[in-house]
C-alpha atoms as a PDB file:
ATOM      1  CA  MET A   1       4.996   4.752  22.843  1.00  0.00           C
ATOM      2  CA  THR A   2       6.203   8.127  20.897  1.00  0.00           C
ATOM      3  CA  GLU A   3       9.670   9.396  21.657  1.00  0.00           C
ATOM      4  CA  ALA A   4      10.019  12.667  20.308  1.00  0.00           C
ATOM      5  CA  LEU A   5      13.177  13.349  18.006  1.00  0.00           C
ATOM      6  CA  PRO A   6      15.610  15.988  18.690  1.00  0.00           C
ATOM      7  CA  GLU A   7      15.077  19.559  16.972  1.00  0.00           C
ATOM      8  CA  GLY A   8      16.868  20.191  14.188  1.00  0.00           C
ATOM      9  CA  VAL A   9      17.516  16.864  12.652  1.00  0.00           C
ATOM     10  CA  VAL A  10      16.445  15.745   8.878  1.00  0.00           C
ATOM     11  CA  HIS A  11      14.703  12.801   7.708  1.00  0.00           C
ATOM     12  CA  TYR A  12      17.764  11.448   5.512  1.00  0.00           C
ATOM     13  CA  ALA A  13      16.588   7.215   4.860  1.00  0.00           C
ATOM     14  CA  THR A  14      13.771   4.850   5.458  1.00  0.00           C
ATOM     15  CA  SER A  15      13.940   1.264   5.395  1.00  0.00           C
ATOM     16  CA  GLN A  16      10.883  -1.561   5.584  1.00  0.00           C
ATOM     17  CA  PHE A  17      10.897  -4.878   6.945  1.00  0.00           C
ATOM     18  CA  THR A  18       8.582  -7.529   7.699  1.00  0.00           C
ATOM     19  CA  HIS A  19       9.085 -10.365  10.299  1.00  0.00           C
ATOM     20  CA  GLU A  20      10.389 -12.459   6.955  1.00  0.00           C
ATOM     21  CA  THR A  21      12.758  -9.892   5.950  1.00  0.00           C
ATOM     22  CA  LEU A  22      13.919  -8.078   8.843  1.00  0.00           C
ATOM     23  CA  PRO A  23      17.865  -8.684   9.016  1.00  0.00           C
ATOM     24  CA  GLU A  24      19.786 -11.010  11.657  1.00  0.00           C
ATOM     25  CA  LYS A  25      22.223  -7.829  11.918  1.00  0.00           C
ATOM     26  CA  LEU A  26      19.645  -5.555  13.285  1.00  0.00           C
ATOM     27  CA  ARG A  27      18.185  -8.758  15.690  1.00  0.00           C
ATOM     28  CA  LYS A  28      21.323  -8.354  17.513  1.00  0.00           C
ATOM     29  CA  ASN A  29      23.147  -5.242  19.595  1.00  0.00           C
ATOM     30  CA  HIS A  30      23.769  -2.832  16.707  1.00  0.00           C
ATOM     31  CA  SER A  31      23.949   0.961  16.794  1.00  0.00           C
ATOM     32  CA  THR A  32      23.575   3.644  14.727  1.00  0.00           C
ATOM     33  CA  LYS A  33      26.935   6.280  13.163  1.00  0.00           C
ATOM     34  CA  ALA A  34      27.651   9.391  15.453  1.00  0.00           C
ATOM     35  CA  GLY A  35      25.166  11.783  14.990  1.00  0.00           C
ATOM     36  CA  VAL A  36      22.574  10.008  13.111  1.00  0.00           C
ATOM     37  CA  TRP A  37      19.414   9.164  15.354  1.00  0.00           C
ATOM     38  CA  GLY A  38      16.977   6.423  14.193  1.00  0.00           C
ATOM     39  CA  GLN A  39      12.975   5.995  14.834  1.00  0.00           C
ATOM     40  CA  LEU A  40      11.561   2.982  14.509  1.00  0.00           C
ATOM     41  CA  ALA A  41       7.361   2.716  13.371  1.00  0.00           C
ATOM     42  CA  VAL A  42       5.358   0.161  13.470  1.00  0.00           C
ATOM     43  CA  GLN A  43       2.392  -0.662  11.068  1.00  0.00           C
ATOM     44  CA  SER A  44       1.590  -4.059  12.087  1.00  0.00           C
ATOM     45  CA  GLY A  45       1.773  -6.237  14.687  1.00  0.00           C
ATOM     46  CA  GLN A  46       4.198  -5.872  17.384  1.00  0.00           C
ATOM     47  CA  LEU A  47       8.089  -5.699  18.025  1.00  0.00           C
ATOM     48  CA  LEU A  48      10.880  -5.665  20.904  1.00  0.00           C
ATOM     49  CA  LEU A  49      13.285  -3.316  21.524  1.00  0.00           C
ATOM     50  CA  ARG A  50      15.505  -3.919  23.562  1.00  0.00           C
ATOM     51  CA  ARG A  51      18.121  -0.889  24.498  1.00  0.00           C
ATOM     52  CA  ASP A  52      21.295  -0.826  26.856  1.00  0.00           C
ATOM     53  CA  ASN A  53      20.337   0.776  30.411  1.00  0.00           C
ATOM     54  CA  LYS A  54      16.688   1.041  29.452  1.00  0.00           C
ATOM     55  CA  GLU A  55      13.672  -0.515  29.564  1.00  0.00           C
ATOM     56  CA  ASP A  56      12.559  -3.118  27.173  1.00  0.00           C
ATOM     57  CA  LEU A  57      10.139  -1.909  25.094  1.00  0.00           C
ATOM     58  CA  VAL A  58       6.886  -3.796  23.182  1.00  0.00           C
ATOM     59  CA  LEU A  59       5.882  -1.408  20.211  1.00  0.00           C
ATOM     60  CA  ALA A  60       2.593  -1.931  18.817  1.00  0.00           C
ATOM     61  CA  ALA A  61       0.966  -0.662  15.297  1.00  0.00           C
ATOM     62  CA  ASP A  62       1.262   3.179  15.327  1.00  0.00           C
ATOM     63  CA  GLU A  63       4.034   3.008  17.893  1.00  0.00           C
ATOM     64  CA  THR A  64       7.114   5.106  17.700  1.00  0.00           C
ATOM     65  CA  ALA A  65      10.405   4.837  19.437  1.00  0.00           C
ATOM     66  CA  VAL A  66      13.461   6.645  19.082  1.00  0.00           C
ATOM     67  CA  PHE A  67      16.931   5.612  19.479  1.00  0.00           C
ATOM     68  CA  ALA A  68      20.427   7.611  20.091  1.00  0.00           C
ATOM     69  CA  PRO A  69      23.285   7.831  17.973  1.00  0.00           C
ATOM     70  CA  GLN A  70      25.272   4.851  18.867  1.00  0.00           C
ATOM     71  CA  GLU A  71      22.932   3.611  20.974  1.00  0.00           C
ATOM     72  CA  ILE A  72      23.231   0.039  21.839  1.00  0.00           C
ATOM     73  CA  HIS A  73      19.816  -1.528  20.527  1.00  0.00           C
ATOM     74  CA  SER A  74      18.231  -4.549  19.314  1.00  0.00           C
ATOM     75  CA  VAL A  75      14.909  -5.312  17.486  1.00  0.00           C
ATOM     76  CA  ASN A  76      12.674  -8.847  17.426  1.00  0.00           C
ATOM     77  CA  PRO A  77       9.315  -9.108  15.886  1.00  0.00           C
ATOM     78  CA  MET A  78       6.767 -10.870  18.396  1.00  0.00           C
ATOM     79  CA  GLY A  79       4.830 -13.152  15.148  1.00  0.00           C
ATOM     80  CA  GLU A  80       4.293 -11.279  12.330  1.00  0.00           C
ATOM     81  CA  VAL A  81       5.033  -7.372  12.022  1.00  0.00           C
ATOM     82  CA  ALA A  82       5.577  -4.649   9.420  1.00  0.00           C
ATOM     83  CA  LEU A  83       7.569  -1.773  10.300  1.00  0.00           C
ATOM     84  CA  GLU A  84       9.802   0.941   9.024  1.00  0.00           C
ATOM     85  CA  VAL A  85      13.046   2.022  10.710  1.00  0.00           C
ATOM     86  CA  ARG A  86      13.615   6.190   9.967  1.00  0.00           C
ATOM     87  CA  PHE A  87      17.124   7.917  10.065  1.00  0.00           C
ATOM     88  CA  HIS A  88      17.438  11.286  10.349  1.00  0.00           C
ATOM     89  CA  ARG A  89      21.045  13.209  11.115  1.00  0.00           C
ATOM     90  CA  GLN A  90      21.879  17.401  12.384  1.00  0.00           C
ATOM     91  CA  GLU A  91      21.185  19.383   9.282  1.00  0.00           C
ATOM     92  CA  ARG A  92      24.313  20.859   8.274  1.00  0.00           C
ATOM     93  CA  PRO A  93      24.354  24.634   8.709  1.00  0.00           C
ATOM     94  CA  ASP A  94      25.689  25.034   5.017  1.00  0.00           C
ATOM     95  CA  ALA A  95      22.795  22.985   3.657  1.00  0.00           C
ATOM     96  CA  GLU A  96      20.142  25.034   1.130  1.00  0.00           C
END
């Protein structure tokens, strides 16, 4: 499943994880800060994404999913997995 980020957001950070390095805090309910969108990108294996008020998603290699600012979510590996979490925020009008 691929979901689109809103227009006007810019990428500012990426974190890479595997089933062995995924922090416990990401496996439990958490959220991004106000104004920060996240995008999960699975490189290999499968990952379970749970979000409040939405159906659970199983993401496989080459699939992505977007979560909105402050959206409660958790991620859990389904066996061996490699993934990226890409963070995006609204571009400031005064940025050059």
